[in-house]
Amino acid sequence: MTQQNKNGALQSLTAGQRTDQERKNNHNQGVNMIAQNTVKSMTKKEVFLTTLINRDKEGLNPLQAAKIYGDTCLSSIVSDIRKDDGITLERETVTLDNHFKTTCTRYWLSNDDMPKAKKMVNQLRIKRGEQPLFTDV
């Protein structure tokens, strides 16, 4: 391979040498290949909605959310989804059958909000580079 030096004369490059342009092109190709194959992680909202959709009427309480996917503040995501996305979750106060008889709120999607939640999950998946999960919306 040859390259022009500052004076315009051609000079031979050894096998290990590359021009600045070649280095830049190789770097950009590598970055583009990585970017094309990288899929971002699921957001908390996507994990929560997917879990609710899969659990259907069984729903989810804070202790289950902590155990299933590590959410320690279920009421916050419920509030965010209602404010940001217009998805209102059904809720009831339940008493857990544990040593302390703990009371908490169980949340689930109504039949009316199930399609909205599925559409939201599909949008979140597309945004992070995944295929839609639900085809019935």
Protein backbone atom coordinates (compact mmCIF):
# COMPACT_ATOMS: atom_id res chain seq x y z
CA MET A 1 0.00 0.00 0.00
CA THR A 2 1.20 3.51 -0.71
CA GLN A 3 0.46 6.91 0.71
CA GLN A 4 1.49 10.43 -0.21
CA ASN A 5 3.72 12.17 2.29
CA LYS A 6 3.61 15.92 3.08
CA ASN A 7 5.64 16.73 0.00
CA GLY A 8 3.33 14.76 -2.28
CA ALA A 9 5.80 11.92 -2.81
CA LEU A 10 4.49 8.38 -2.65
CA GLN A 11 5.83 6.24 0.15
CA SER A 12 5.28 2.57 0.92
CA LEU A 13 3.47 1.59 4.09
CA THR A 14 4.47 -1.52 5.96
CA ALA A 15 1.79 -4.09 6.76
CA GLY A 16 1.31 -2.69 10.27
CA GLN A 17 0.85 0.93 9.22
CA ARG A 18 -2.52 2.43 8.30
CA THR A 19 -3.58 5.87 7.23
CA ASP A 20 -5.65 8.01 9.57
CA GLN A 21 -8.62 7.63 7.22
CA GLU A 22 -8.32 3.83 7.29
CA ARG A 23 -8.21 3.85 11.08
CA LYS A 24 -11.27 6.07 11.21
CA ASN A 25 -13.18 3.90 8.72
CA ASN A 26 -12.35 0.71 10.64
CA HIS A 27 -13.37 2.30 13.93
CA ASN A 28 -16.68 3.52 12.49
CA GLN A 29 -17.43 0.10 11.02
CA GLY A 30 -16.85 -1.52 14.40
CA VAL A 31 -19.03 1.00 16.20
CA ASN A 32 -21.82 0.56 13.64
CA MET A 33 -21.67 -3.22 13.90
CA ILE A 34 -21.91 -3.03 17.70
CA ALA A 35 -24.77 -0.52 17.55
CA GLN A 36 -26.75 -2.65 15.10
CA ASN A 37 -26.50 -5.76 17.28
CA THR A 38 -27.07 -4.12 20.66
CA VAL A 39 -30.50 -4.37 22.21
CA LYS A 40 -31.13 -2.22 25.26
CA SER A 41 -32.38 -3.72 28.51
CA MET A 42 -36.05 -3.72 29.40
CA THR A 43 -37.28 -0.66 31.26
CA LYS A 44 -38.99 -0.97 34.62
CA LYS A 45 -42.27 0.01 32.97
CA GLU A 46 -41.94 -2.73 30.36
CA VAL A 47 -41.10 -5.38 32.97
CA PHE A 48 -44.02 -4.30 35.16
CA LEU A 49 -46.58 -4.23 32.35
CA THR A 50 -45.39 -7.54 30.88
CA THR A 51 -45.63 -9.15 34.31
CA LEU A 52 -49.15 -7.81 34.82
CA ILE A 53 -50.26 -8.97 31.38
CA ASN A 54 -48.87 -12.46 32.01
CA ARG A 55 -50.44 -12.71 35.48
CA ASP A 56 -53.83 -11.50 34.18
CA LYS A 57 -56.46 -11.33 36.97
CA GLU A 58 -54.06 -12.77 39.56
CA GLY A 59 -52.32 -9.40 39.51
CA LEU A 60 -49.36 -8.39 41.59
CA ASN A 61 -48.75 -7.10 45.10
CA PRO A 62 -45.59 -5.35 46.33
CA LEU A 63 -44.06 -8.47 47.87
CA GLN A 64 -44.56 -10.44 44.65
CA ALA A 65 -43.06 -7.59 42.59
CA ALA A 66 -40.00 -7.57 44.85
CA LYS A 67 -39.62 -11.33 44.55
CA ILE A 68 -40.33 -11.66 40.81
CA TYR A 69 -38.30 -8.76 39.40
CA GLY A 70 -36.89 -6.74 42.30
CA ASP A 71 -39.33 -3.80 42.37
CA THR A 72 -39.39 -2.26 45.83
CA CYS A 73 -41.74 0.63 45.08
CA LEU A 74 -44.71 -0.76 43.19
CA SER A 75 -47.01 2.16 43.98
CA SER A 76 -44.68 4.57 42.15
CA ILE A 77 -44.76 2.68 38.84
CA VAL A 78 -48.55 2.31 39.18
CA SER A 79 -48.83 6.08 39.60
CA ASP A 80 -46.46 6.80 36.69
CA ILE A 81 -48.37 4.52 34.32
CA ARG A 82 -51.66 6.16 35.25
CA LYS A 83 -50.29 9.70 34.78
CA ASP A 84 -48.05 9.12 31.75
CA ASP A 85 -49.93 6.46 29.79
CA GLY A 86 -53.55 6.66 30.92
CA ILE A 87 -53.59 3.06 32.12
CA THR A 88 -55.56 2.77 35.35
CA LEU A 89 -55.03 -0.43 37.27
CA GLU A 90 -57.68 -2.21 39.27
CA ARG A 91 -56.74 -2.55 42.92
CA GLU A 92 -57.83 -4.15 46.16
CA THR A 93 -56.42 -4.34 49.66
CA VAL A 94 -55.40 -7.86 50.57
CA THR A 95 -54.15 -9.48 53.75
CA LEU A 96 -51.20 -11.75 53.18
CA ASP A 97 -51.22 -15.02 55.03
CA ASN A 98 -47.86 -14.59 56.68
CA HIS A 99 -46.69 -14.45 60.28
CA PHE A 100 -47.65 -10.77 60.64
CA LYS A 101 -50.90 -10.75 58.56
CA THR A 102 -49.52 -7.96 56.38
CA THR A 103 -51.97 -5.87 54.37
CA CYS A 104 -51.01 -4.48 50.98
CA THR A 105 -52.53 -3.53 47.64
CA ARG A 106 -52.87 -5.99 44.78
CA TYR A 107 -52.96 -4.50 41.26
CA TRP A 108 -54.18 -5.98 37.97
CA LEU A 109 -55.19 -4.79 34.51
CA SER A 110 -58.87 -4.38 33.69
CA ASN A 111 -60.23 -5.86 30.46
CA ASP A 112 -60.46 -2.29 29.06
CA ASP A 113 -56.82 -1.44 29.85
CA MET A 114 -55.29 -4.75 28.75
CA PRO A 115 -55.03 -3.66 25.06
CA LYS A 116 -53.46 -0.32 26.11
CA ALA A 117 -50.87 -2.15 28.19
CA LYS A 118 -50.03 -4.56 25.35
CA LYS A 119 -49.68 -1.66 22.93
CA MET A 120 -47.39 0.15 25.40
CA VAL A 121 -45.19 -2.95 25.82
CA ASN A 122 -44.91 -3.29 22.04
CA GLN A 123 -43.92 0.38 21.72
CA LEU A 124 -41.30 0.05 24.45
CA ARG A 125 -39.87 -3.08 22.81
CA ILE A 126 -39.65 -1.43 19.38
CA LYS A 127 -37.99 1.62 20.92
CA ARG A 128 -35.20 -0.55 22.35
CA GLY A 129 -34.74 -2.62 19.20
CA GLU A 130 -36.88 -5.70 19.87
CA GLN A 131 -39.79 -7.17 17.93
CA PRO A 132 -43.33 -6.52 19.25
CA LEU A 133 -44.53 -9.17 21.69
CA PHE A 134 -48.28 -8.94 21.22
CA THR A 135 -50.09 -9.23 17.90
CA ASP A 136 -53.66 -8.96 19.18
CA VAL A 137 -53.66 -5.17 19.69
